[in-house]
Amino acid sequence: MSKLTFKFKINVVNGMRPKQIRINDGQKKDKELDDCQSTEDPNVFEGEILSTVILTSVEVSVSGVGALSGLIGSFNLTLKANDKKLFKEDQELKVTDGNRFSFFKKQVKLPQ
C-alpha cells in the first residue's frame, strides 16, 4: 500500500454545488471543499487529495446538489506524481430530478 496525491478540478455552473469528492480513503467535503473554490471563478473547485492506493486502481466518487434538474458540470483527476489524467475526457456531473448529482466508479486505472 502506498499513499499518492491526486489533483482534482470540478467545474460546475450557477446553481450547482459540490459537497464531496472521494478517492479511496481520501476525501474533501463540505467546508474543506468550499475552501477549494477558485477566487477567480466561483464555478471552479480545485485541490489535492492524499489517498491510500492498493494495486493499480482507485474508487472515485463525486457528489453534490443542484437548484434545477438538467444542470451539467464536469470533473477530472490528475495523478500528481506524473501529471497524467485518470480519465481521458472530463466526466459529466448531471443534476437529476432529486436536485442532486453524483458520479461513482470502481476500479479507475491509474495512469502509467
PDB file of N, CA and C in Angstrom:
ATOM      1  N   MET A   1       0.850  -1.186   0.000  1.00  0.00           N
ATOM      2  CA  MET A   1       0.000   0.000   0.000  1.00  0.00           C
ATOM      3  C   MET A   1       0.890   1.242   0.000  1.00  0.00           C
ATOM      4  N   SER A   2       0.492   2.194  -0.806  1.00  0.00           N
ATOM      5  CA  SER A   2       1.233   3.450  -0.829  1.00  0.00           C
ATOM      6  C   SER A   2       0.253   4.613  -0.841  1.00  0.00           C
ATOM      7  N   LYS A   3       0.753   5.764  -0.441  1.00  0.00           N
ATOM      8  CA  LYS A   3      -0.062   6.977  -0.461  1.00  0.00           C
ATOM      9  C   LYS A   3       0.316   7.781  -1.701  1.00  0.00           C
ATOM     10  N   LEU A   4      -0.696   8.203  -2.434  1.00  0.00           N
ATOM     11  CA  LEU A   4      -0.477   9.023  -3.621  1.00  0.00           C
ATOM     12  C   LEU A   4      -1.313  10.287  -3.513  1.00  0.00           C
ATOM     13  N   THR A   5      -0.822  11.351  -4.136  1.00  0.00           N
ATOM     14  CA  THR A   5      -1.557  12.612  -4.157  1.00  0.00           C
ATOM     15  C   THR A   5      -2.225  12.779  -5.515  1.00  0.00           C
ATOM     16  N   PHE A   6      -3.503  13.137  -5.475  1.00  0.00           N
ATOM     17  CA  PHE A   6      -4.292  13.390  -6.674  1.00  0.00           C
ATOM     18  C   PHE A   6      -4.718  14.848  -6.683  1.00  0.00           C
ATOM     19  N   LYS A   7      -4.652  15.469  -7.863  1.00  0.00           N
ATOM     20  CA  LYS A   7      -5.190  16.819  -8.028  1.00  0.00           C
ATOM     21  C   LYS A   7      -6.578  16.668  -8.642  1.00  0.00           C
ATOM     22  N   PHE A   8      -7.520  17.465  -8.163  1.00  0.00           N
ATOM     23  CA  PHE A   8      -8.859  17.417  -8.742  1.00  0.00           C
ATOM     24  C   PHE A   8      -9.275  18.796  -9.217  1.00  0.00           C
ATOM     25  N   LYS A   9     -10.158  18.791 -10.218  1.00  0.00           N
ATOM     26  CA  LYS A   9     -10.768  20.026 -10.709  1.00  0.00           C
ATOM     27  C   LYS A   9     -12.218  19.714 -11.023  1.00  0.00           C
ATOM     28  N   ILE A  10     -13.112  20.412 -10.339  1.00  0.00           N
ATOM     29  CA  ILE A  10     -14.548  20.260 -10.552  1.00  0.00           C
ATOM     30  C   ILE A  10     -15.057  21.562 -11.161  1.00  0.00           C
ATOM     31  N   ASN A  11     -15.731  21.453 -12.305  1.00  0.00           N
ATOM     32  CA  ASN A  11     -16.340  22.613 -12.967  1.00  0.00           C
ATOM     33  C   ASN A  11     -17.852  22.479 -12.853  1.00  0.00           C
ATOM     34  N   VAL A  12     -18.501  23.492 -12.297  1.00  0.00           N
ATOM     35  CA  VAL A  12     -19.959  23.481 -12.183  1.00  0.00           C
ATOM     36  C   VAL A  12     -20.516  24.724 -12.865  1.00  0.00           C
ATOM     37  N   VAL A  13     -21.835  24.814 -12.922  1.00  0.00           N
ATOM     38  CA  VAL A  13     -22.495  26.011 -13.434  1.00  0.00           C
ATOM     39  C   VAL A  13     -23.273  26.629 -12.281  1.00  0.00           C
ATOM     40  N   ASN A  14     -23.733  27.862 -12.469  1.00  0.00           N
ATOM     41  CA  ASN A  14     -24.521  28.517 -11.420  1.00  0.00           C
ATOM     42  C   ASN A  14     -25.677  27.623 -11.012  1.00  0.00           C
ATOM     43  N   GLY A  15     -25.873  27.464  -9.709  1.00  0.00           N
ATOM     44  CA  GLY A  15     -26.946  26.618  -9.208  1.00  0.00           C
ATOM     45  C   GLY A  15     -26.480  25.234  -8.795  1.00  0.00           C
ATOM     46  N   MET A  16     -25.203  24.913  -9.054  1.00  0.00           N
ATOM     47  CA  MET A  16     -24.641  23.617  -8.643  1.00  0.00           C
ATOM     48  C   MET A  16     -23.608  23.837  -7.543  1.00  0.00           C
ATOM     49  N   ARG A  17     -23.537  22.878  -6.625  1.00  0.00           N
ATOM     50  CA  ARG A  17     -22.564  22.963  -5.529  1.00  0.00           C
ATOM     51  C   ARG A  17     -22.029  21.572  -5.203  1.00  0.00           C
ATOM     52  N   PRO A  18     -20.724  21.332  -5.392  1.00  0.00           N
ATOM     53  CA  PRO A  18     -20.176  20.031  -4.990  1.00  0.00           C
ATOM     54  C   PRO A  18     -20.149  19.926  -3.468  1.00  0.00           C
ATOM     55  N   LYS A  19     -20.467  18.750  -2.950  1.00  0.00           N
ATOM     56  CA  LYS A  19     -20.485  18.538  -1.498  1.00  0.00           C
ATOM     57  C   LYS A  19     -19.398  17.576  -1.041  1.00  0.00           C
ATOM     58  N   GLN A  20     -18.959  16.670  -1.932  1.00  0.00           N
ATOM     59  CA  GLN A  20     -17.929  15.710  -1.545  1.00  0.00           C
ATOM     60  C   GLN A  20     -17.214  15.154  -2.771  1.00  0.00           C
ATOM     61  N   ILE A  21     -15.910  14.953  -2.630  1.00  0.00           N
ATOM     62  CA  ILE A  21     -15.129  14.198  -3.606  1.00  0.00           C
ATOM     63  C   ILE A  21     -14.297  13.210  -2.799  1.00  0.00           C
ATOM     64  N   ARG A  22     -14.301  11.959  -3.255  1.00  0.00           N
ATOM     65  CA  ARG A  22     -13.592  10.910  -2.511  1.00  0.00           C
ATOM     66  C   ARG A  22     -12.802  10.041  -3.477  1.00  0.00           C
ATOM     67  N   ILE A  23     -11.572   9.732  -3.080  1.00  0.00           N
ATOM     68  CA  ILE A  23     -10.722   8.791  -3.806  1.00  0.00           C
ATOM     69  C   ILE A  23     -10.234   7.792  -2.762  1.00  0.00           C
ATOM     70  N   ASN A  24     -10.717   6.552  -2.845  1.00  0.00           N
ATOM     71  CA  ASN A  24     -10.430   5.533  -1.828  1.00  0.00           C
ATOM     72  C   ASN A  24     -10.694   6.102  -0.431  1.00  0.00           C
ATOM     73  N   ASP A  25      -9.660   6.197   0.421  1.00  0.00           N
ATOM     74  CA  ASP A  25      -9.865   6.677   1.790  1.00  0.00           C
ATOM     75  C   ASP A  25      -9.619   8.177   1.947  1.00  0.00           C
ATOM     76  N   GLY A  26      -9.267   8.861   0.871  1.00  0.00           N
ATOM     77  CA  GLY A  26      -9.029  10.303   0.940  1.00  0.00           C
ATOM     78  C   GLY A  26     -10.241  11.063   0.439  1.00  0.00           C
ATOM     79  N   GLN A  27     -10.572  12.171   1.109  1.00  0.00           N
ATOM     80  CA  GLN A  27     -11.746  12.931   0.670  1.00  0.00           C
ATOM     81  C   GLN A  27     -11.666  14.393   1.079  1.00  0.00           C
ATOM     82  N   LYS A  28     -12.475  15.185   0.400  1.00  0.00           N
ATOM     83  CA  LYS A  28     -12.746  16.565   0.792  1.00  0.00           C
ATOM     84  C   LYS A  28     -14.255  16.689   0.767  1.00  0.00           C
ATOM     85  N   LYS A  29     -14.820  17.331   1.787  1.00  0.00           N
ATOM     86  CA  LYS A  29     -16.266  17.528   1.794  1.00  0.00           C
ATOM     87  C   LYS A  29     -16.620  18.807   2.535  1.00  0.00           C
ATOM     88  N   ASP A  30     -17.828  19.276   2.279  1.00  0.00           N
ATOM     89  CA  ASP A  30     -18.401  20.442   2.939  1.00  0.00           C
ATOM     90  C   ASP A  30     -17.423  21.618   2.993  1.00  0.00           C
ATOM     91  N   LYS A  31     -17.048  22.064   4.187  1.00  0.00           N
ATOM     92  CA  LYS A  31     -16.213  23.262   4.356  1.00  0.00           C
ATOM     93  C   LYS A  31     -14.841  23.097   3.686  1.00  0.00           C
ATOM     94  N   GLU A  32     -14.243  21.906   3.827  1.00  0.00           N
ATOM     95  CA  GLU A  32     -12.943  21.648   3.183  1.00  0.00           C
ATOM     96  C   GLU A  32     -13.032  21.840   1.671  1.00  0.00           C
ATOM     97  N   LEU A  33     -14.126  21.375   1.086  1.00  0.00           N
ATOM     98  CA  LEU A  33     -14.319  21.512  -0.358  1.00  0.00           C
ATOM     99  C   LEU A  33     -14.645  22.963  -0.714  1.00  0.00           C
ATOM    100  N   ASP A  34     -15.437  23.631   0.124  1.00  0.00           N
ATOM    101  CA  ASP A  34     -15.729  25.051  -0.104  1.00  0.00           C
ATOM    102  C   ASP A  34     -14.444  25.875  -0.153  1.00  0.00           C
ATOM    103  N   ASP A  35     -13.466  25.506   0.677  1.00  0.00           N
ATOM    104  CA  ASP A  35     -12.190  26.223   0.709  1.00  0.00           C
ATOM    105  C   ASP A  35     -11.394  26.052  -0.584  1.00  0.00           C
ATOM    106  N   CYS A  36     -11.775  25.091  -1.421  1.00  0.00           N
ATOM    107  CA  CYS A  36     -11.090  24.842  -2.699  1.00  0.00           C
ATOM    108  C   CYS A  36     -11.696  25.648  -3.845  1.00  0.00           C
ATOM    109  N   GLN A  37     -12.719  26.447  -3.538  1.00  0.00           N
ATOM    110  CA  GLN A  37     -13.381  27.244  -4.575  1.00  0.00           C
ATOM    111  C   GLN A  37     -12.432  28.325  -5.080  1.00  0.00           C
ATOM    112  N   SER A  38     -12.328  28.455  -6.383  1.00  0.00           N
ATOM    113  CA  SER A  38     -11.443  29.440  -7.001  1.00  0.00           C
ATOM    114  C   SER A  38     -11.911  30.859  -6.689  1.00  0.00           C
ATOM    115  N   THR A  39     -10.958  31.738  -6.409  1.00  0.00           N
ATOM    116  CA  THR A  39     -11.305  33.146  -6.171  1.00  0.00           C
ATOM    117  C   THR A  39     -11.551  33.861  -7.497  1.00  0.00           C
ATOM    118  N   GLU A  40     -11.008  33.319  -8.592  1.00  0.00           N
ATOM    119  CA  GLU A  40     -11.184  33.929  -9.906  1.00  0.00           C
ATOM    120  C   GLU A  40     -12.468  33.480 -10.586  1.00  0.00           C
ATOM    121  N   ASP A  41     -12.870  32.229 -10.362  1.00  0.00           N
ATOM    122  CA  ASP A  41     -14.081  31.684 -10.974  1.00  0.00           C
ATOM    123  C   ASP A  41     -14.822  30.850  -9.933  1.00  0.00           C
ATOM    124  N   PRO A  42     -15.943  31.365  -9.406  1.00  0.00           N
ATOM    125  CA  PRO A  42     -16.665  30.652  -8.345  1.00  0.00           C
ATOM    126  C   PRO A  42     -17.256  29.313  -8.779  1.00  0.00           C
ATOM    127  N   ASN A  43     -17.219  29.007 -10.071  1.00  0.00           N
ATOM    128  CA  ASN A  43     -17.734  27.727 -10.561  1.00  0.00           C
ATOM    129  C   ASN A  43     -16.646  26.659 -10.688  1.00  0.00           C
ATOM    130  N   VAL A  44     -15.447  26.959 -10.201  1.00  0.00           N
ATOM    131  CA  VAL A  44     -14.330  26.009 -10.268  1.00  0.00           C
ATOM    132  C   VAL A  44     -13.836  25.688  -8.856  1.00  0.00           C
ATOM    133  N   PHE A  45     -13.673  24.390  -8.601  1.00  0.00           N
ATOM    134  CA  PHE A  45     -13.138  23.908  -7.330  1.00  0.00           C
ATOM    135  C   PHE A  45     -11.908  23.070  -7.651  1.00  0.00           C
ATOM    136  N   GLU A  46     -10.753  23.455  -7.090  1.00  0.00           N
ATOM    137  CA  GLU A  46      -9.503  22.745  -7.358  1.00  0.00           C
ATOM    138  C   GLU A  46      -8.781  22.463  -6.055  1.00  0.00           C
ATOM    139  N   GLY A  47      -8.145  21.295  -5.984  1.00  0.00           N
ATOM    140  CA  GLY A  47      -7.390  20.969  -4.789  1.00  0.00           C
ATOM    141  C   GLY A  47      -6.670  19.652  -4.941  1.00  0.00           C
ATOM    142  N   GLU A  48      -6.175  19.152  -3.801  1.00  0.00           N
ATOM    143  CA  GLU A  48      -5.446  17.891  -3.783  1.00  0.00           C
ATOM    144  C   GLU A  48      -6.002  16.975  -2.712  1.00  0.00           C
ATOM    145  N   ILE A  49      -5.912  15.683  -2.963  1.00  0.00           N
ATOM    146  CA  ILE A  49      -6.350  14.661  -2.012  1.00  0.00           C
ATOM    147  C   ILE A  49      -5.250  13.614  -1.905  1.00  0.00           C
ATOM    148  N   LEU A  50      -4.855  13.300  -0.676  1.00  0.00           N
ATOM    149  CA  LEU A  50      -3.897  12.232  -0.407  1.00  0.00           C
ATOM    150  C   LEU A  50      -4.688  10.967  -0.121  1.00  0.00           C
ATOM    151  N   SER A  51      -4.360   9.895  -0.821  1.00  0.00           N
ATOM    152  CA  SER A  51      -5.154   8.673  -0.714  1.00  0.00           C
ATOM    153  C   SER A  51      -4.268   7.430  -0.695  1.00  0.00           C
ATOM    154  N   THR A  52      -4.711   6.425   0.055  1.00  0.00           N
ATOM    155  CA  THR A  52      -4.028   5.136   0.071  1.00  0.00           C
ATOM    156  C   THR A  52      -4.421   4.351  -1.178  1.00  0.00           C
ATOM    157  N   VAL A  53      -3.430   3.821  -1.877  1.00  0.00           N
ATOM    158  CA  VAL A  53      -3.688   3.082  -3.110  1.00  0.00           C
ATOM    159  C   VAL A  53      -3.171   1.655  -2.963  1.00  0.00           C
ATOM    160  N   ILE A  54      -4.038   0.705  -3.294  1.00  0.00           N
ATOM    161  CA  ILE A  54      -3.678  -0.706  -3.302  1.00  0.00           C
ATOM    162  C   ILE A  54      -3.720  -1.157  -4.763  1.00  0.00           C
ATOM    163  N   LEU A  55      -2.670  -1.762  -5.231  1.00  0.00           N
ATOM    164  CA  LEU A  55      -2.558  -2.216  -6.618  1.00  0.00           C
ATOM    165  C   LEU A  55      -2.553  -1.041  -7.585  1.00  0.00           C
ATOM    166  N   THR A  56      -3.352  -1.094  -8.662  1.00  0.00           N
ATOM    167  CA  THR A  56      -3.224  -0.088  -9.727  1.00  0.00           C
ATOM    168  C   THR A  56      -4.521   0.637 -10.059  1.00  0.00           C
ATOM    169  N   SER A  57      -5.499   0.608  -9.151  1.00  0.00           N
ATOM    170  CA  SER A  57      -6.749   1.322  -9.431  1.00  0.00           C
ATOM    171  C   SER A  57      -7.298   1.948  -8.155  1.00  0.00           C
ATOM    172  N   VAL A  58      -8.224   2.888  -8.331  1.00  0.00           N
ATOM    173  CA  VAL A  58      -8.859   3.575  -7.205  1.00  0.00           C
ATOM    174  C   VAL A  58     -10.369   3.623  -7.412  1.00  0.00           C
ATOM    175  N   GLU A  59     -11.079   3.884  -6.322  1.00  0.00           N
ATOM    176  CA  GLU A  59     -12.526   4.083  -6.369  1.00  0.00           C
ATOM    177  C   GLU A  59     -12.769   5.582  -6.234  1.00  0.00           C
ATOM    178  N   VAL A  60     -13.575   6.141  -7.132  1.00  0.00           N
ATOM    179  CA  VAL A  60     -13.787   7.586  -7.186  1.00  0.00           C
ATOM    180  C   VAL A  60     -15.267   7.904  -7.043  1.00  0.00           C
ATOM    181  N   SER A  61     -15.586   8.896  -6.203  1.00  0.00           N
ATOM    182  CA  SER A  61     -16.965   9.385  -6.151  1.00  0.00           C
ATOM    183  C   SER A  61     -16.963  10.900  -5.982  1.00  0.00           C
ATOM    184  N   VAL A  62     -17.926  11.532  -6.641  1.00  0.00           N
ATOM    185  CA  VAL A  62     -18.141  12.971  -6.549  1.00  0.00           C
ATOM    186  C   VAL A  62     -19.638  13.167  -6.402  1.00  0.00           C
ATOM    187  N   SER A  63     -20.050  14.011  -5.468  1.00  0.00           N
ATOM    188  CA  SER A  63     -21.483  14.258  -5.305  1.00  0.00           C
ATOM    189  C   SER A  63     -21.724  15.703  -4.901  1.00  0.00           C
ATOM    190  N   GLY A  64     -22.969  16.134  -5.109  1.00  0.00           N
ATOM    191  CA  GLY A  64     -23.328  17.494  -4.759  1.00  0.00           C
ATOM    192  C   GLY A  64     -24.800  17.748  -4.999  1.00  0.00           C
ATOM    193  N   VAL A  65     -25.162  19.022  -4.941  1.00  0.00           N
ATOM    194  CA  VAL A  65     -26.562  19.419  -5.087  1.00  0.00           C
ATOM    195  C   VAL A  65     -26.694  20.432  -6.224  1.00  0.00           C
ATOM    196  N   GLY A  66     -27.919  20.521  -6.753  1.00  0.00           N
ATOM    197  CA  GLY A  66     -28.195  21.465  -7.824  1.00  0.00           C
ATOM    198  C   GLY A  66     -29.574  22.067  -7.677  1.00  0.00           C
ATOM    199  N   ALA A  67     -29.728  23.303  -8.107  1.00  0.00           N
ATOM    200  CA  ALA A  67     -31.004  24.006  -7.982  1.00  0.00           C
ATOM    201  C   ALA A  67     -32.041  23.495  -8.978  1.00  0.00           C
ATOM    202  N   LEU A  68     -31.596  23.057 -10.147  1.00  0.00           N
ATOM    203  CA  LEU A  68     -32.503  22.604 -11.201  1.00  0.00           C
ATOM    204  C   LEU A  68     -32.002  21.303 -11.802  1.00  0.00           C
ATOM    205  N   SER A  69     -32.932  20.406 -12.127  1.00  0.00           N
ATOM    206  CA  SER A  69     -32.500  19.183 -12.806  1.00  0.00           C
ATOM    207  C   SER A  69     -32.039  19.544 -14.214  1.00  0.00           C
ATOM    208  N   GLY A  70     -31.069  18.805 -14.705  1.00  0.00           N
ATOM    209  CA  GLY A  70     -30.548  19.050 -16.048  1.00  0.00           C
ATOM    210  C   GLY A  70     -29.292  19.898 -16.089  1.00  0.00           C
ATOM    211  N   LEU A  71     -28.944  20.572 -14.985  1.00  0.00           N
ATOM    212  CA  LEU A  71     -27.698  21.334 -14.965  1.00  0.00           C
ATOM    213  C   LEU A  71     -26.528  20.361 -15.108  1.00  0.00           C
ATOM    214  N   ILE A  72     -25.492  20.776 -15.834  1.00  0.00           N
ATOM    215  CA  ILE A  72     -24.377  19.874 -16.104  1.00  0.00           C
ATOM    216  C   ILE A  72     -23.044  20.540 -15.768  1.00  0.00           C
ATOM    217  N   GLY A  73     -22.237  19.800 -15.032  1.00  0.00           N
ATOM    218  CA  GLY A  73     -20.866  20.194 -14.727  1.00  0.00           C
ATOM    219  C   GLY A  73     -19.942  19.064 -15.133  1.00  0.00           C
ATOM    220  N   SER A  74     -18.684  19.147 -14.720  1.00  0.00           N
ATOM    221  CA  SER A  74     -17.730  18.089 -15.053  1.00  0.00           C
ATOM    222  C   SER A  74     -16.583  18.085 -14.050  1.00  0.00           C
ATOM    223  N   PHE A  75     -15.788  17.014 -14.101  1.00  0.00           N
ATOM    224  CA  PHE A  75     -14.600  16.958 -13.262  1.00  0.00           C
ATOM    225  C   PHE A  75     -13.564  16.040 -13.898  1.00  0.00           C
ATOM    226  N   ASN A  76     -12.332  16.177 -13.407  1.00  0.00           N
ATOM    227  CA  ASN A  76     -11.281  15.240 -13.780  1.00  0.00           C
ATOM    228  C   ASN A  76     -10.265  15.194 -12.656  1.00  0.00           C
ATOM    229  N   LEU A  77      -9.472  14.137 -12.646  1.00  0.00           N
ATOM    230  CA  LEU A  77      -8.439  13.922 -11.640  1.00  0.00           C
ATOM    231  C   LEU A  77      -7.105  13.732 -12.337  1.00  0.00           C
ATOM    232  N   THR A  78      -6.053  14.187 -11.686  1.00  0.00           N
ATOM    233  CA  THR A  78      -4.702  14.033 -12.208  1.00  0.00           C
ATOM    234  C   THR A  78      -3.835  13.410 -11.128  1.00  0.00           C
ATOM    235  N   LEU A  79      -3.050  12.414 -11.493  1.00  0.00           N
ATOM    236  CA  LEU A  79      -2.080  11.831 -10.569  1.00  0.00           C
ATOM    237  C   LEU A  79      -0.907  12.805 -10.494  1.00  0.00           C
ATOM    238  N   LYS A  80      -0.671  13.363  -9.307  1.00  0.00           N
ATOM    239  CA  LYS A  80       0.328  14.419  -9.170  1.00  0.00           C
ATOM    240  C   LYS A  80       1.738  13.947  -9.549  1.00  0.00           C
ATOM    241  N   ALA A  81       2.081  12.703  -9.234  1.00  0.00           N
ATOM    242  CA  ALA A  81       3.439  12.185  -9.471  1.00  0.00           C
ATOM    243  C   ALA A  81       3.869  12.278 -10.936  1.00  0.00           C
ATOM    244  N   ASN A  82       2.954  11.991 -11.866  1.00  0.00           N
ATOM    245  CA  ASN A  82       3.335  12.032 -13.287  1.00  0.00           C
ATOM    246  C   ASN A  82       2.499  13.024 -14.102  1.00  0.00           C
ATOM    247  N   ASP A  83       1.626  13.759 -13.422  1.00  0.00           N
ATOM    248  CA  ASP A  83       0.792  14.792 -14.050  1.00  0.00           C
ATOM    249  C   ASP A  83      -0.067  14.237 -15.190  1.00  0.00           C
ATOM    250  N   LYS A  84      -0.528  12.983 -15.033  1.00  0.00           N
ATOM    251  CA  LYS A  84      -1.395  12.371 -16.042  1.00  0.00           C
ATOM    252  C   LYS A  84      -2.813  12.244 -15.504  1.00  0.00           C
ATOM    253  N   LYS A  85      -3.784  12.487 -16.393  1.00  0.00           N
ATOM    254  CA  LYS A  85      -5.195  12.428 -16.006  1.00  0.00           C
ATOM    255  C   LYS A  85      -5.672  10.988 -15.862  1.00  0.00           C
ATOM    256  N   LEU A  86      -6.613  10.774 -14.919  1.00  0.00           N
ATOM    257  CA  LEU A  86      -7.183   9.446 -14.724  1.00  0.00           C
ATOM    258  C   LEU A  86      -8.231   9.134 -15.783  1.00  0.00           C
ATOM    259  N   PHE A  87      -8.897  10.175 -16.297  1.00  0.00           N
ATOM    260  CA  PHE A  87      -9.917   9.998 -17.336  1.00  0.00           C
ATOM    261  C   PHE A  87      -9.456  10.744 -18.584  1.00  0.00           C
ATOM    262  N   LYS A  88      -9.585  10.109 -19.750  1.00  0.00           N
ATOM    263  CA  LYS A  88      -9.192  10.771 -20.998  1.00  0.00           C
ATOM    264  C   LYS A  88     -10.028  12.023 -21.223  1.00  0.00           C
ATOM    265  N   GLU A  89     -11.324  11.924 -20.902  1.00  0.00           N
ATOM    266  CA  GLU A  89     -12.249  13.050 -21.068  1.00  0.00           C
ATOM    267  C   GLU A  89     -12.784  13.433 -19.695  1.00  0.00           C
ATOM    268  N   ASP A  90     -13.122  14.710 -19.524  1.00  0.00           N
ATOM    269  CA  ASP A  90     -13.760  15.123 -18.277  1.00  0.00           C
ATOM    270  C   ASP A  90     -15.051  14.334 -18.093  1.00  0.00           C
ATOM    271  N   GLN A  91     -15.347  13.954 -16.862  1.00  0.00           N
ATOM    272  CA  GLN A  91     -16.540  13.172 -16.557  1.00  0.00           C
ATOM    273  C   GLN A  91     -17.707  14.099 -16.238  1.00  0.00           C
ATOM    274  N   GLU A  92     -18.874  13.770 -16.769  1.00  0.00           N
ATOM    275  CA  GLU A  92     -20.060  14.613 -16.614  1.00  0.00           C
ATOM    276  C   GLU A  92     -20.680  14.467 -15.226  1.00  0.00           C
ATOM    277  N   LEU A  93     -21.121  15.602 -14.681  1.00  0.00           N
ATOM    278  CA  LEU A  93     -21.885  15.646 -13.437  1.00  0.00           C
ATOM    279  C   LEU A  93     -23.226  16.283 -13.777  1.00  0.00           C
ATOM    280  N   LYS A  94     -24.301  15.490 -13.777  1.00  0.00           N
ATOM    281  CA  LYS A  94     -25.610  15.994 -14.198  1.00  0.00           C
ATOM    282  C   LYS A  94     -26.599  15.946 -13.040  1.00  0.00           C
ATOM    283  N   VAL A  95     -27.258  17.075 -12.801  1.00  0.00           N
ATOM    284  CA  VAL A  95     -28.251  17.166 -11.735  1.00  0.00           C
ATOM    285  C   VAL A  95     -29.502  16.393 -12.149  1.00  0.00           C
ATOM    286  N   THR A  96     -29.976  15.516 -11.257  1.00  0.00           N
ATOM    287  CA  THR A  96     -31.167  14.701 -11.519  1.00  0.00           C
ATOM    288  C   THR A  96     -32.417  15.403 -10.991  1.00  0.00           C
ATOM    289  N   ASP A  97     -33.572  14.742 -11.161  1.00  0.00           N
ATOM    290  CA  ASP A  97     -34.834  15.300 -10.665  1.00  0.00           C
ATOM    291  C   ASP A  97     -34.821  15.504  -9.156  1.00  0.00           C
ATOM    292  N   GLY A  98     -33.983  14.770  -8.444  1.00  0.00           N
ATOM    293  CA  GLY A  98     -33.883  14.912  -6.991  1.00  0.00           C
ATOM    294  C   GLY A  98     -32.972  16.045  -6.560  1.00  0.00           C
ATOM    295  N   ASN A  99     -32.600  16.911  -7.497  1.00  0.00           N
ATOM    296  CA  ASN A  99     -31.728  18.060  -7.228  1.00  0.00           C
ATOM    297  C   ASN A  99     -30.365  17.657  -6.675  1.00  0.00           C
ATOM    298  N   ARG A 100     -29.878  16.517  -7.135  1.00  0.00           N
ATOM    299  CA  ARG A 100     -28.558  16.034  -6.722  1.00  0.00           C
ATOM    300  C   ARG A 100     -27.795  15.549  -7.953  1.00  0.00           C
ATOM    301  N   PHE A 101     -26.474  15.540  -7.827  1.00  0.00           N
ATOM    302  CA  PHE A 101     -25.655  14.916  -8.864  1.00  0.00           C
ATOM    303  C   PHE A 101     -24.638  14.008  -8.192  1.00  0.00           C
ATOM    304  N   SER A 102     -24.277  12.955  -8.900  1.00  0.00           N
ATOM    305  CA  SER A 102     -23.266  12.054  -8.347  1.00  0.00           C
ATOM    306  C   SER A 102     -22.564  11.296  -9.463  1.00  0.00           C
ATOM    307  N   PHE A 103     -21.348  10.932  -9.177  1.00  0.00           N
ATOM    308  CA  PHE A 103     -20.528  10.105 -10.054  1.00  0.00           C
ATOM    309  C   PHE A 103     -19.874   9.076  -9.154  1.00  0.00           C
ATOM    310  N   PHE A 104     -19.900   7.817  -9.568  1.00  0.00           N
ATOM    311  CA  PHE A 104     -19.252   6.766  -8.792  1.00  0.00           C
ATOM    312  C   PHE A 104     -18.673   5.741  -9.750  1.00  0.00           C
ATOM    313  N   LYS A 105     -17.424   5.410  -9.551  1.00  0.00           N
ATOM    314  CA  LYS A 105     -16.810   4.390 -10.397  1.00  0.00           C
ATOM    315  C   LYS A 105     -15.754   3.643  -9.597  1.00  0.00           C
ATOM    316  N   LYS A 106     -15.867   2.312  -9.637  1.00  0.00           N
ATOM    317  CA  LYS A 106     -14.864   1.454  -9.007  1.00  0.00           C
ATOM    318  C   LYS A 106     -13.780   1.145 -10.031  1.00  0.00           C
ATOM    319  N   GLN A 107     -12.627   0.827  -9.538  1.00  0.00           N
ATOM    320  CA  GLN A 107     -11.501   0.373 -10.361  1.00  0.00           C
ATOM    321  C   GLN A 107     -11.141   1.319 -11.510  1.00  0.00           C
ATOM    322  N   VAL A 108     -10.914   2.576 -11.167  1.00  0.00           N
ATOM    323  CA  VAL A 108     -10.388   3.526 -12.141  1.00  0.00           C
ATOM    324  C   VAL A 108      -8.878   3.287 -12.201  1.00  0.00           C
ATOM    325  N   LYS A 109      -8.405   2.932 -13.379  1.00  0.00           N
ATOM    326  CA  LYS A 109      -6.979   2.612 -13.553  1.00  0.00           C
ATOM    327  C   LYS A 109      -6.111   3.855 -13.363  1.00  0.00           C
ATOM    328  N   LEU A 110      -4.995   3.667 -12.667  1.00  0.00           N
ATOM    329  CA  LEU A 110      -4.035   4.751 -12.512  1.00  0.00           C
ATOM    330  C   LEU A 110      -3.226   4.890 -13.794  1.00  0.00           C
ATOM    331  N   PRO A 111      -2.976   6.123 -14.246  1.00  0.00           N
ATOM    332  CA  PRO A 111      -2.183   6.317 -15.467  1.00  0.00           C
ATOM    333  C   PRO A 111      -0.715   5.978 -15.213  1.00  0.00           C
ATOM    334  N   GLN A 112      -0.096   5.357 -16.184  1.00  0.00           N
ATOM    335  CA  GLN A 112       1.325   4.963 -16.049  1.00  0.00           C
ATOM    336  C   GLN A 112       2.239   6.014 -16.641  1.00  0.00           C
TER     337      GLN A 112
END
